[in-house]
PDB file of N, CA and C in Angstrom:
ATOM      1  N   MET A   1       0.821  -1.197   0.000  1.00  0.00           N
ATOM      2  CA  MET A   1       0.000   0.000   0.000  1.00  0.00           C
ATOM      3  C   MET A   1       0.863   1.258   0.000  1.00  0.00           C
ATOM      4  N   THR A   2       2.012   1.248   0.662  1.00  0.00           N
ATOM      5  CA  THR A   2       2.843   2.447   0.706  1.00  0.00           C
ATOM      6  C   THR A   2       3.473   2.757  -0.637  1.00  0.00           C
ATOM      7  N   HIS A   3       3.642   1.732  -1.485  1.00  0.00           N
ATOM      8  CA  HIS A   3       4.230   1.982  -2.796  1.00  0.00           C
ATOM      9  C   HIS A   3       3.224   2.568  -3.775  1.00  0.00           C
ATOM     10  N   ALA A   4       1.956   2.462  -3.504  1.00  0.00           N
ATOM     11  CA  ALA A   4       0.933   2.960  -4.424  1.00  0.00           C
ATOM     12  C   ALA A   4       0.800   4.474  -4.355  1.00  0.00           C
ATOM     13  N   ARG A   5       1.106   5.076  -3.235  1.00  0.00           N
ATOM     14  CA  ARG A   5       0.906   6.522  -3.103  1.00  0.00           C
ATOM     15  C   ARG A   5       1.777   7.350  -4.035  1.00  0.00           C
ATOM     16  N   PRO A   6       3.087   7.101  -4.144  1.00  0.00           N
ATOM     17  CA  PRO A   6       3.854   7.889  -5.122  1.00  0.00           C
ATOM     18  C   PRO A   6       3.367   7.680  -6.551  1.00  0.00           C
ATOM     19  N   ARG A   7       2.924   6.468  -6.861  1.00  0.00           N
ATOM     20  CA  ARG A   7       2.403   6.204  -8.194  1.00  0.00           C
ATOM     21  C   ARG A   7       1.140   7.019  -8.440  1.00  0.00           C
ATOM     22  N   ARG A   8       0.281   7.114  -7.440  1.00  0.00           N
ATOM     23  CA  ARG A   8      -0.947   7.916  -7.594  1.00  0.00           C
ATOM     24  C   ARG A   8      -0.600   9.377  -7.830  1.00  0.00           C
ATOM     25  N   PHE A   9       0.347   9.891  -7.059  1.00  0.00           N
ATOM     26  CA  PHE A   9       0.722  11.291  -7.227  1.00  0.00           C
ATOM     27  C   PHE A   9       1.292  11.527  -8.621  1.00  0.00           C
ATOM     28  N   THR A  10       2.095  10.595  -9.107  1.00  0.00           N
ATOM     29  CA  THR A  10       2.659  10.733 -10.442  1.00  0.00           C
ATOM     30  C   THR A  10       1.557  10.728 -11.495  1.00  0.00           C
ATOM     31  N   ARG A  11       0.572   9.866 -11.328  1.00  0.00           N
ATOM     32  CA  ARG A  11      -0.541   9.828 -12.279  1.00  0.00           C
ATOM     33  C   ARG A  11      -1.377  11.098 -12.206  1.00  0.00           C
ATOM     34  N   ILE A  12      -1.525  11.656 -11.015  1.00  0.00           N
ATOM     35  CA  ILE A  12      -2.296  12.889 -10.874  1.00  0.00           C
ATOM     36  C   ILE A  12      -1.560  14.059 -11.539  1.00  0.00           C
ATOM     37  N   ALA A  13      -0.250  14.128 -11.358  1.00  0.00           N
ATOM     38  CA  ALA A  13       0.527  15.257 -11.873  1.00  0.00           C
ATOM     39  C   ALA A  13       0.962  15.079 -13.323  1.00  0.00           C
ATOM     40  N   ALA A  14       0.786  13.906 -13.896  1.00  0.00           N
ATOM     41  CA  ALA A  14       1.270  13.619 -15.255  1.00  0.00           C
ATOM     42  C   ALA A  14       0.764  14.591 -16.322  1.00  0.00           C
ATOM     43  N   PRO A  15      -0.487  15.042 -16.302  1.00  0.00           N
ATOM     44  CA  PRO A  15      -0.928  15.963 -17.361  1.00  0.00           C
ATOM     45  C   PRO A  15      -0.208  17.320 -17.355  1.00  0.00           C
ATOM     46  N   LEU A  16       0.444  17.661 -16.266  1.00  0.00           N
ATOM     47  CA  LEU A  16       1.167  18.928 -16.231  1.00  0.00           C
ATOM     48  C   LEU A  16       2.496  18.851 -16.974  1.00  0.00           C
ATOM     49  N   LEU A  17       3.016  17.655 -17.180  1.00  0.00           N
ATOM     50  CA  LEU A  17       4.280  17.507 -17.898  1.00  0.00           C
ATOM     51  C   LEU A  17       4.173  17.933 -19.363  1.00  0.00           C
ATOM     52  N   PRO A  18       3.166  17.498 -20.125  1.00  0.00           N
ATOM     53  CA  PRO A  18       3.058  18.005 -21.504  1.00  0.00           C
ATOM     54  C   PRO A  18       2.881  19.521 -21.566  1.00  0.00           C
ATOM     55  N   TRP A  19       2.167  20.085 -20.595  1.00  0.00           N
ATOM     56  CA  TRP A  19       2.025  21.547 -20.581  1.00  0.00           C
ATOM     57  C   TRP A  19       3.379  22.211 -20.373  1.00  0.00           C
ATOM     58  N   ALA A  20       4.170  21.722 -19.426  1.00  0.00           N
ATOM     59  CA  ALA A  20       5.469  22.322 -19.144  1.00  0.00           C
ATOM     60  C   ALA A  20       6.405  22.201 -20.347  1.00  0.00           C
ATOM     61  N   ILE A  21       6.410  21.037 -20.974  1.00  0.00           N
ATOM     62  CA  ILE A  21       7.253  20.853 -22.159  1.00  0.00           C
ATOM     63  C   ILE A  21       6.777  21.763 -23.287  1.00  0.00           C
ATOM     64  N   HIS A  22       5.473  21.881 -23.448  1.00  0.00           N
ATOM     65  CA  HIS A  22       4.912  22.767 -24.475  1.00  0.00           C
ATOM     66  C   HIS A  22       5.315  24.211 -24.210  1.00  0.00           C
ATOM     67  N   PHE A  23       5.199  24.635 -22.978  1.00  0.00           N
ATOM     68  CA  PHE A  23       5.538  26.018 -22.614  1.00  0.00           C
ATOM     69  C   PHE A  23       6.981  26.340 -22.996  1.00  0.00           C
ATOM     70  N   VAL A  24       7.905  25.489 -22.590  1.00  0.00           N
ATOM     71  CA  VAL A  24       9.320  25.723 -22.868  1.00  0.00           C
ATOM     72  C   VAL A  24       9.599  25.636 -24.372  1.00  0.00           C
ATOM     73  N   ALA A  25       9.056  24.625 -25.025  1.00  0.00           N
ATOM     74  CA  ALA A  25       9.350  24.420 -26.447  1.00  0.00           C
ATOM     75  C   ALA A  25       8.796  25.543 -27.320  1.00  0.00           C
ATOM     76  N   VAL A  26       7.575  25.951 -27.058  1.00  0.00           N
ATOM     77  CA  VAL A  26       6.954  26.964 -27.911  1.00  0.00           C
ATOM     78  C   VAL A  26       7.643  28.322 -27.756  1.00  0.00           C
ATOM     79  N   TYR A  27       7.922  28.725 -26.542  1.00  0.00           N
ATOM     80  CA  TYR A  27       8.572  30.020 -26.362  1.00  0.00           C
ATOM     81  C   TYR A  27      10.034  29.977 -26.782  1.00  0.00           C
ATOM     82  N   SER A  28      10.680  28.835 -26.680  1.00  0.00           N
ATOM     83  CA  SER A  28      12.042  28.707 -27.193  1.00  0.00           C
ATOM     84  C   SER A  28      12.051  28.804 -28.711  1.00  0.00           C
ATOM     85  N   LEU A  29      11.103  28.142 -29.353  1.00  0.00           N
ATOM     86  CA  LEU A  29      11.011  28.223 -30.806  1.00  0.00           C
ATOM     87  C   LEU A  29      10.726  29.655 -31.250  1.00  0.00           C
ATOM     88  N   GLN A  30       9.859  30.341 -30.537  1.00  0.00           N
ATOM     89  CA  GLN A  30       9.561  31.735 -30.883  1.00  0.00           C
ATOM     90  C   GLN A  30      10.823  32.590 -30.775  1.00  0.00           C
ATOM     91  N   GLY A  31      11.592  32.389 -29.731  1.00  0.00           N
ATOM     92  CA  GLY A  31      12.838  33.130 -29.578  1.00  0.00           C
ATOM     93  C   GLY A  31      13.845  32.813 -30.671  1.00  0.00           C
ATOM     94  N   LEU A  32      13.946  31.553 -31.044  1.00  0.00           N
ATOM     95  CA  LEU A  32      14.863  31.181 -32.114  1.00  0.00           C
ATOM     96  C   LEU A  32      14.437  31.762 -33.453  1.00  0.00           C
ATOM     97  N   VAL A  33      13.150  31.755 -33.728  1.00  0.00           N
ATOM     98  CA  VAL A  33      12.656  32.324 -34.986  1.00  0.00           C
ATOM     99  C   VAL A  33      13.026  33.796 -35.076  1.00  0.00           C
ATOM    100  N   CYS A  34      12.864  34.513 -33.987  1.00  0.00           N
ATOM    101  CA  CYS A  34      13.176  35.946 -33.998  1.00  0.00           C
ATOM    102  C   CYS A  34      14.679  36.205 -34.022  1.00  0.00           C
ATOM    103  N   ALA A  35      15.438  35.463 -33.231  1.00  0.00           N
ATOM    104  CA  ALA A  35      16.873  35.719 -33.109  1.00  0.00           C
ATOM    105  C   ALA A  35      17.646  35.288 -34.353  1.00  0.00           C
ATOM    106  N   ARG A  36      17.243  34.219 -34.968  1.00  0.00           N
ATOM    107  CA  ARG A  36      18.001  33.681 -36.096  1.00  0.00           C
ATOM    108  C   ARG A  36      17.435  34.080 -37.457  1.00  0.00           C
ATOM    109  N   GLY A  37      16.290  34.736 -37.462  1.00  0.00           N
ATOM    110  CA  GLY A  37      15.706  35.162 -38.725  1.00  0.00           C
ATOM    111  C   GLY A  37      15.087  34.029 -39.523  1.00  0.00           C
ATOM    112  N   TRP A  38      14.622  33.015 -38.843  1.00  0.00           N
ATOM    113  CA  TRP A  38      13.985  31.890 -39.527  1.00  0.00           C
ATOM    114  C   TRP A  38      12.625  32.318 -40.070  1.00  0.00           C
ATOM    115  N   SER A  39      12.054  31.504 -40.902  1.00  0.00           N
ATOM    116  CA  SER A  39      10.762  31.781 -41.518  1.00  0.00           C
ATOM    117  C   SER A  39       9.666  31.873 -40.455  1.00  0.00           C
ATOM    118  N   GLN A  40       8.901  32.960 -40.502  1.00  0.00           N
ATOM    119  CA  GLN A  40       7.803  33.151 -39.560  1.00  0.00           C
ATOM    120  C   GLN A  40       6.731  32.077 -39.744  1.00  0.00           C
ATOM    121  N   LEU A  41       6.455  31.735 -41.001  1.00  0.00           N
ATOM    122  CA  LEU A  41       5.436  30.730 -41.278  1.00  0.00           C
ATOM    123  C   LEU A  41       5.845  29.364 -40.733  1.00  0.00           C
ATOM    124  N   ALA A  42       7.101  29.000 -40.928  1.00  0.00           N
ATOM    125  CA  ALA A  42       7.579  27.717 -40.402  1.00  0.00           C
ATOM    126  C   ALA A  42       7.524  27.710 -38.879  1.00  0.00           C
ATOM    127  N   GLY A  43       7.849  28.829 -38.270  1.00  0.00           N
ATOM    128  CA  GLY A  43       7.763  28.928 -36.816  1.00  0.00           C
ATOM    129  C   GLY A  43       6.337  28.779 -36.320  1.00  0.00           C
ATOM    130  N   GLN A  44       5.404  29.434 -36.992  1.00  0.00           N
ATOM    131  CA  GLN A  44       3.993  29.331 -36.605  1.00  0.00           C
ATOM    132  C   GLN A  44       3.482  27.902 -36.781  1.00  0.00           C
ATOM    133  N   MET A  45       3.859  27.265 -37.873  1.00  0.00           N
ATOM    134  CA  MET A  45       3.424  25.885 -38.099  1.00  0.00           C
ATOM    135  C   MET A  45       4.014  24.950 -37.046  1.00  0.00           C
ATOM    136  N   GLY A  46       5.263  25.176 -36.683  1.00  0.00           N
ATOM    137  CA  GLY A  46       5.883  24.376 -35.632  1.00  0.00           C
ATOM    138  C   GLY A  46       5.176  24.553 -34.296  1.00  0.00           C
ATOM    139  N   MET A  47       4.805  25.782 -33.984  1.00  0.00           N
ATOM    140  CA  MET A  47       4.102  26.052 -32.729  1.00  0.00           C
ATOM    141  C   MET A  47       2.711  25.418 -32.723  1.00  0.00           C
ATOM    142  N   ILE A  48       2.033  25.481 -33.842  1.00  0.00           N
ATOM    143  CA  ILE A  48       0.711  24.852 -33.928  1.00  0.00           C
ATOM    144  C   ILE A  48       0.846  23.339 -33.775  1.00  0.00           C
ATOM    145  N   GLY A  49       1.853  22.773 -34.419  1.00  0.00           N
ATOM    146  CA  GLY A  49       2.079  21.335 -34.292  1.00  0.00           C
ATOM    147  C   GLY A  49       2.391  20.925 -32.852  1.00  0.00           C
ATOM    148  N   MET A  50       3.237  21.702 -32.183  1.00  0.00           N
ATOM    149  CA  MET A  50       3.559  21.397 -30.781  1.00  0.00           C
ATOM    150  C   MET A  50       2.337  21.531 -29.884  1.00  0.00           C
ATOM    151  N   THR A  51       1.513  22.533 -30.164  1.00  0.00           N
ATOM    152  CA  THR A  51       0.303  22.731 -29.362  1.00  0.00           C
ATOM    153  C   THR A  51      -0.655  21.559 -29.547  1.00  0.00           C
ATOM    154  N   LEU A  52      -0.850  21.137 -30.777  1.00  0.00           N
ATOM    155  CA  LEU A  52      -1.734  19.995 -31.022  1.00  0.00           C
ATOM    156  C   LEU A  52      -1.186  18.719 -30.389  1.00  0.00           C
ATOM    157  N   LEU A  53       0.116  18.526 -30.473  1.00  0.00           N
ATOM    158  CA  LEU A  53       0.731  17.347 -29.869  1.00  0.00           C
ATOM    159  C   LEU A  53       0.552  17.355 -28.353  1.00  0.00           C
ATOM    160  N   ALA A  54       0.751  18.509 -27.730  1.00  0.00           N
ATOM    161  CA  ALA A  54       0.576  18.605 -26.280  1.00  0.00           C
ATOM    162  C   ALA A  54      -0.878  18.372 -25.882  1.00  0.00           C
ATOM    163  N   LEU A  55      -1.803  18.925 -26.655  1.00  0.00           N
ATOM    164  CA  LEU A  55      -3.222  18.709 -26.351  1.00  0.00           C
ATOM    165  C   LEU A  55      -3.615  17.239 -26.489  1.00  0.00           C
ATOM    166  N   VAL A  56      -3.111  16.581 -27.505  1.00  0.00           N
ATOM    167  CA  VAL A  56      -3.404  15.158 -27.677  1.00  0.00           C
ATOM    168  C   VAL A  56      -2.844  14.351 -26.510  1.00  0.00           C
ATOM    169  N   ALA A  57      -1.622  14.679 -26.080  1.00  0.00           N
ATOM    170  CA  ALA A  57      -1.020  13.962 -24.949  1.00  0.00           C
ATOM    171  C   ALA A  57      -1.852  14.140 -23.687  1.00  0.00           C
ATOM    172  N   VAL A  58      -2.305  15.358 -23.423  1.00  0.00           N
ATOM    173  CA  VAL A  58      -3.107  15.611 -22.222  1.00  0.00           C
ATOM    174  C   VAL A  58      -4.472  14.939 -22.336  1.00  0.00           C
ATOM    175  N   LEU A  59      -5.058  14.966 -23.517  1.00  0.00           N
ATOM    176  CA  LEU A  59      -6.355  14.304 -23.698  1.00  0.00           C
ATOM    177  C   LEU A  59      -6.240  12.792 -23.514  1.00  0.00           C
ATOM    178  N   LEU A  60      -5.152  12.201 -23.956  1.00  0.00           N
ATOM    179  CA  LEU A  60      -4.946  10.770 -23.724  1.00  0.00           C
ATOM    180  C   LEU A  60      -4.791  10.459 -22.241  1.00  0.00           C
ATOM    181  N   LEU A  61      -4.061  11.303 -21.531  1.00  0.00           N
ATOM    182  CA  LEU A  61      -3.930  11.111 -20.084  1.00  0.00           C
ATOM    183  C   LEU A  61      -5.271  11.298 -19.386  1.00  0.00           C
ATOM    184  N   GLY A  62      -6.065  12.260 -19.843  1.00  0.00           N
ATOM    185  CA  GLY A  62      -7.393  12.467 -19.277  1.00  0.00           C
ATOM    186  C   GLY A  62      -8.313  11.293 -19.550  1.00  0.00           C
ATOM    187  N   HIS A  63      -8.213  10.733 -20.748  1.00  0.00           N
ATOM    188  CA  HIS A  63      -9.033   9.563 -21.086  1.00  0.00           C
ATOM    189  C   HIS A  63      -8.641   8.368 -20.221  1.00  0.00           C
ATOM    190  N   ARG A  64      -7.345   8.217 -19.991  1.00  0.00           N
ATOM    191  CA  ARG A  64      -6.874   7.133 -19.118  1.00  0.00           C
ATOM    192  C   ARG A  64      -7.381   7.323 -17.694  1.00  0.00           C
ATOM    193  N   ALA A  65      -7.389   8.566 -17.220  1.00  0.00           N
ATOM    194  CA  ALA A  65      -7.915   8.847 -15.879  1.00  0.00           C
ATOM    195  C   ALA A  65      -9.412   8.575 -15.824  1.00  0.00           C
ATOM    196  N   TRP A  66     -10.127   8.907 -16.894  1.00  0.00           N
ATOM    197  CA  TRP A  66     -11.569   8.651 -16.955  1.00  0.00           C
ATOM    198  C   TRP A  66     -11.854   7.156 -16.847  1.00  0.00           C
ATOM    199  N   ARG A  67     -11.096   6.356 -17.599  1.00  0.00           N
ATOM    200  CA  ARG A  67     -11.291   4.903 -17.540  1.00  0.00           C
ATOM    201  C   ARG A  67     -10.946   4.359 -16.157  1.00  0.00           C
ATOM    202  N   ARG A  68      -9.890   4.888 -15.538  1.00  0.00           N
ATOM    203  CA  ARG A  68      -9.511   4.449 -14.199  1.00  0.00           C
ATOM    204  C   ARG A  68     -10.576   4.850 -13.179  1.00  0.00           C
ATOM    205  N   MET A  69     -11.181   6.010 -13.378  1.00  0.00           N
ATOM    206  CA  MET A  69     -12.223   6.456 -12.460  1.00  0.00           C
ATOM    207  C   MET A  69     -13.457   5.566 -12.574  1.00  0.00           C
ATOM    208  N   ARG A  70     -13.828   5.215 -13.793  1.00  0.00           N
ATOM    209  CA  ARG A  70     -15.009   4.377 -14.007  1.00  0.00           C
ATOM    210  C   ARG A  70     -14.809   2.953 -13.482  1.00  0.00           C
ATOM    211  N   ALA A  71     -13.560   2.477 -13.497  1.00  0.00           N
ATOM    212  CA  ALA A  71     -13.277   1.112 -13.059  1.00  0.00           C
ATOM    213  C   ALA A  71     -12.805   1.041 -11.610  1.00  0.00           C
ATOM    214  N   GLY A  72     -12.730   2.181 -10.929  1.00  0.00           N
ATOM    215  CA  GLY A  72     -12.182   2.216  -9.569  1.00  0.00           C
ATOM    216  C   GLY A  72     -12.999   1.413  -8.581  1.00  0.00           C
ATOM    217  N   GLN A  73     -12.297   0.647  -7.794  1.00  0.00           N
ATOM    218  CA  GLN A  73     -12.937  -0.183  -6.788  1.00  0.00           C
ATOM    219  C   GLN A  73     -12.853   0.460  -5.409  1.00  0.00           C
ATOM    220  N   GLN A  74     -11.778   1.161  -5.147  1.00  0.00           N
ATOM    221  CA  GLN A  74     -11.578   1.776  -3.842  1.00  0.00           C
ATOM    222  C   GLN A  74     -11.784   3.281  -3.952  1.00  0.00           C
ATOM    223  N   ASP A  75     -12.158   3.884  -2.843  1.00  0.00           N
ATOM    224  CA  ASP A  75     -12.387   5.327  -2.839  1.00  0.00           C
ATOM    225  C   ASP A  75     -11.123   6.106  -3.177  1.00  0.00           C
ATOM    226  N   ASP A  76      -9.968   5.608  -2.711  1.00  0.00           N
ATOM    227  CA  ASP A  76      -8.715   6.296  -3.005  1.00  0.00           C
ATOM    228  C   ASP A  76      -8.420   6.297  -4.500  1.00  0.00           C
ATOM    229  N   ASP A  77      -8.689   5.171  -5.166  1.00  0.00           N
ATOM    230  CA  ASP A  77      -8.447   5.095  -6.604  1.00  0.00           C
ATOM    231  C   ASP A  77      -9.369   6.032  -7.375  1.00  0.00           C
ATOM    232  N   VAL A  78     -10.619   6.100  -6.976  1.00  0.00           N
ATOM    233  CA  VAL A  78     -11.580   6.981  -7.637  1.00  0.00           C
ATOM    234  C   VAL A  78     -11.202   8.439  -7.423  1.00  0.00           C
ATOM    235  N   PHE A  79     -10.793   8.771  -6.208  1.00  0.00           N
ATOM    236  CA  PHE A  79     -10.382  10.153  -5.921  1.00  0.00           C
ATOM    237  C   PHE A  79      -9.163  10.543  -6.755  1.00  0.00           C
ATOM    238  N   ALA A  80      -8.160   9.669  -6.808  1.00  0.00           N
ATOM    239  CA  ALA A  80      -6.951   9.965  -7.581  1.00  0.00           C
ATOM    240  C   ALA A  80      -7.274  10.098  -9.063  1.00  0.00           C
ATOM    241  N   ALA A  81      -8.118   9.228  -9.574  1.00  0.00           N
ATOM    242  CA  ALA A  81      -8.476   9.293 -10.987  1.00  0.00           C
ATOM    243  C   ALA A  81      -9.283  10.552 -11.297  1.00  0.00           C
ATOM    244  N   ARG A  82     -10.205  10.900 -10.418  1.00  0.00           N
ATOM    245  CA  ARG A  82     -11.010  12.113 -10.630  1.00  0.00           C
ATOM    246  C   ARG A  82     -10.119  13.360 -10.571  1.00  0.00           C
ATOM    247  N   THR A  83      -9.182  13.364  -9.651  1.00  0.00           N
ATOM    248  CA  THR A  83      -8.260  14.492  -9.554  1.00  0.00           C
ATOM    249  C   THR A  83      -7.399  14.585 -10.811  1.00  0.00           C
ATOM    250  N   ALA A  84      -6.909  13.449 -11.309  1.00  0.00           N
ATOM    251  CA  ALA A  84      -6.124  13.446 -12.541  1.00  0.00           C
ATOM    252  C   ALA A  84      -6.950  13.947 -13.720  1.00  0.00           C
ATOM    253  N   LEU A  85      -8.215  13.610 -13.742  1.00  0.00           N
ATOM    254  CA  LEU A  85      -9.095  14.089 -14.805  1.00  0.00           C
ATOM    255  C   LEU A  85      -9.247  15.607 -14.742  1.00  0.00           C
ATOM    256  N   HIS A  86      -9.398  16.144 -13.551  1.00  0.00           N
ATOM    257  CA  HIS A  86      -9.511  17.597 -13.404  1.00  0.00           C
ATOM    258  C   HIS A  86      -8.197  18.295 -13.738  1.00  0.00           C
ATOM    259  N   VAL A  87      -7.078  17.696 -13.359  1.00  0.00           N
ATOM    260  CA  VAL A  87      -5.779  18.267 -13.710  1.00  0.00           C
ATOM    261  C   VAL A  87      -5.586  18.235 -15.222  1.00  0.00           C
ATOM    262  N   SER A  88      -6.094  17.209 -15.887  1.00  0.00           N
ATOM    263  CA  SER A  88      -6.016  17.147 -17.349  1.00  0.00           C
ATOM    264  C   SER A  88      -6.796  18.294 -17.992  1.00  0.00           C
ATOM    265  N   ALA A  89      -7.967  18.560 -17.468  1.00  0.00           N
ATOM    266  CA  ALA A  89      -8.759  19.681 -17.988  1.00  0.00           C
ATOM    267  C   ALA A  89      -8.029  21.004 -17.767  1.00  0.00           C
ATOM    268  N   LEU A  90      -7.451  21.173 -16.594  1.00  0.00           N
ATOM    269  CA  LEU A  90      -6.692  22.382 -16.296  1.00  0.00           C
ATOM    270  C   LEU A  90      -5.480  22.511 -17.215  1.00  0.00           C
ATOM    271  N   ALA A  91      -4.804  21.403 -17.496  1.00  0.00           N
ATOM    272  CA  ALA A  91      -3.643  21.429 -18.378  1.00  0.00           C
ATOM    273  C   ALA A  91      -4.041  21.807 -19.802  1.00  0.00           C
ATOM    274  N   CYS A  92      -5.194  21.341 -20.270  1.00  0.00           N
ATOM    275  CA  CYS A  92      -5.680  21.734 -21.604  1.00  0.00           C
ATOM    276  C   CYS A  92      -5.909  23.238 -21.677  1.00  0.00           C
ATOM    277  N   VAL A  93      -6.536  23.781 -20.659  1.00  0.00           N
ATOM    278  CA  VAL A  93      -6.765  25.226 -20.615  1.00  0.00           C
ATOM    279  C   VAL A  93      -5.439  25.973 -20.571  1.00  0.00           C
ATOM    280  N   ALA A  94      -4.488  25.474 -19.793  1.00  0.00           N
ATOM    281  CA  ALA A  94      -3.178  26.124 -19.691  1.00  0.00           C
ATOM    282  C   ALA A  94      -2.434  26.094 -21.023  1.00  0.00           C
ATOM    283  N   ILE A  95      -2.528  25.006 -21.748  1.00  0.00           N
ATOM    284  CA  ILE A  95      -1.864  24.914 -23.053  1.00  0.00           C
ATOM    285  C   ILE A  95      -2.463  25.923 -24.024  1.00  0.00           C
ATOM    286  N   VAL A  96      -3.767  26.029 -24.043  1.00  0.00           N
ATOM    287  CA  VAL A  96      -4.421  26.993 -24.941  1.00  0.00           C
ATOM    288  C   VAL A  96      -4.053  28.426 -24.539  1.00  0.00           C
ATOM    289  N   PHE A  97      -4.074  28.725 -23.241  1.00  0.00           N
ATOM    290  CA  PHE A  97      -3.706  30.072 -22.791  1.00  0.00           C
ATOM    291  C   PHE A  97      -2.242  30.387 -23.074  1.00  0.00           C
ATOM    292  N   THR A  98      -1.384  29.389 -23.041  1.00  0.00           N
ATOM    293  CA  THR A  98       0.023  29.603 -23.366  1.00  0.00           C
ATOM    294  C   THR A  98       0.187  29.912 -24.849  1.00  0.00           C
ATOM    295  N   ALA A  99      -0.612  29.278 -25.685  1.00  0.00           N
ATOM    296  CA  ALA A  99      -0.448  29.425 -27.130  1.00  0.00           C
ATOM    297  C   ALA A  99      -1.152  30.654 -27.703  1.00  0.00           C
ATOM    298  N   ILE A 100      -2.169  31.153 -27.049  1.00  0.00           N
ATOM    299  CA  ILE A 100      -2.942  32.283 -27.601  1.00  0.00           C
ATOM    300  C   ILE A 100      -2.076  33.501 -27.906  1.00  0.00           C
ATOM    301  N   PRO A 101      -1.207  33.977 -27.008  1.00  0.00           N
ATOM    302  CA  PRO A 101      -0.405  35.154 -27.360  1.00  0.00           C
ATOM    303  C   PRO A 101       0.492  34.928 -28.568  1.00  0.00           C
ATOM    304  N   LEU A 102       0.970  33.724 -28.740  1.00  0.00           N
ATOM    305  CA  LEU A 102       1.839  33.449 -29.890  1.00  0.00           C
ATOM    306  C   LEU A 102       1.076  33.525 -31.203  1.00  0.00           C
ATOM    307  N   TRP A 103      -0.199  33.200 -31.180  1.00  0.00           N
ATOM    308  CA  TRP A 103      -0.979  33.229 -32.406  1.00  0.00           C
ATOM    309  C   TRP A 103      -1.558  34.610 -32.682  1.00  0.00           C
ATOM    310  N   LEU A 104      -1.850  35.368 -31.646  1.00  0.00           N
ATOM    311  CA  LEU A 104      -2.531  36.646 -31.833  1.00  0.00           C
ATOM    312  C   LEU A 104      -1.597  37.842 -31.977  1.00  0.00           C
ATOM    313  N   LEU A 105      -0.417  37.759 -31.380  1.00  0.00           N
ATOM    314  CA  LEU A 105       0.508  38.892 -31.422  1.00  0.00           C
ATOM    315  C   LEU A 105       1.455  38.744 -32.600  1.00  0.00           C
ATOM    316  N   ALA A 106       1.892  39.868 -33.116  1.00  0.00           N
ATOM    317  CA  ALA A 106       2.869  39.841 -34.217  1.00  0.00           C
ATOM    318  C   ALA A 106       4.203  39.332 -33.682  1.00  0.00           C
ATOM    319  N   PRO A 107       4.796  38.373 -34.358  1.00  0.00           N
ATOM    320  CA  PRO A 107       6.054  37.817 -33.867  1.00  0.00           C
ATOM    321  C   PRO A 107       7.205  38.816 -33.999  1.00  0.00           C
ATOM    322  N   CYS A 108       8.146  38.676 -33.122  1.00  0.00           N
ATOM    323  CA  CYS A 108       9.403  39.442 -33.149  1.00  0.00           C
ATOM    324  C   CYS A 108       9.211  40.938 -32.934  1.00  0.00           C
ATOM    325  N   GLU A 109       8.199  41.316 -32.206  1.00  0.00           N
ATOM    326  CA  GLU A 109       8.016  42.748 -31.922  1.00  0.00           C
ATOM    327  C   GLU A 109       7.965  42.983 -30.449  1.00  0.00           C
TER     328      GLU A 109
END
């Protein structure tokens, strides 16, 4: 039973990892596009691709949490799965909010 708790915490926090990687990757790519004079269109396409990839990763983790919640036998398992599902929803919102300024603002200004 003591070994299950760190695993639960990891499953609960897992949807935040794609958001963090997306945050670093997208803003790093934006900086490289501006600093190196790379194509703005290629940079935008790369950012859109990274955003979609991060959203798919979080949605898959959320779907896994949903299935775990529906199949949960113990209250602790259901609570952990429900929390992971809510964290997945929060991570989706965070990914979209991270990407909005990159799409709406003029790059390199």
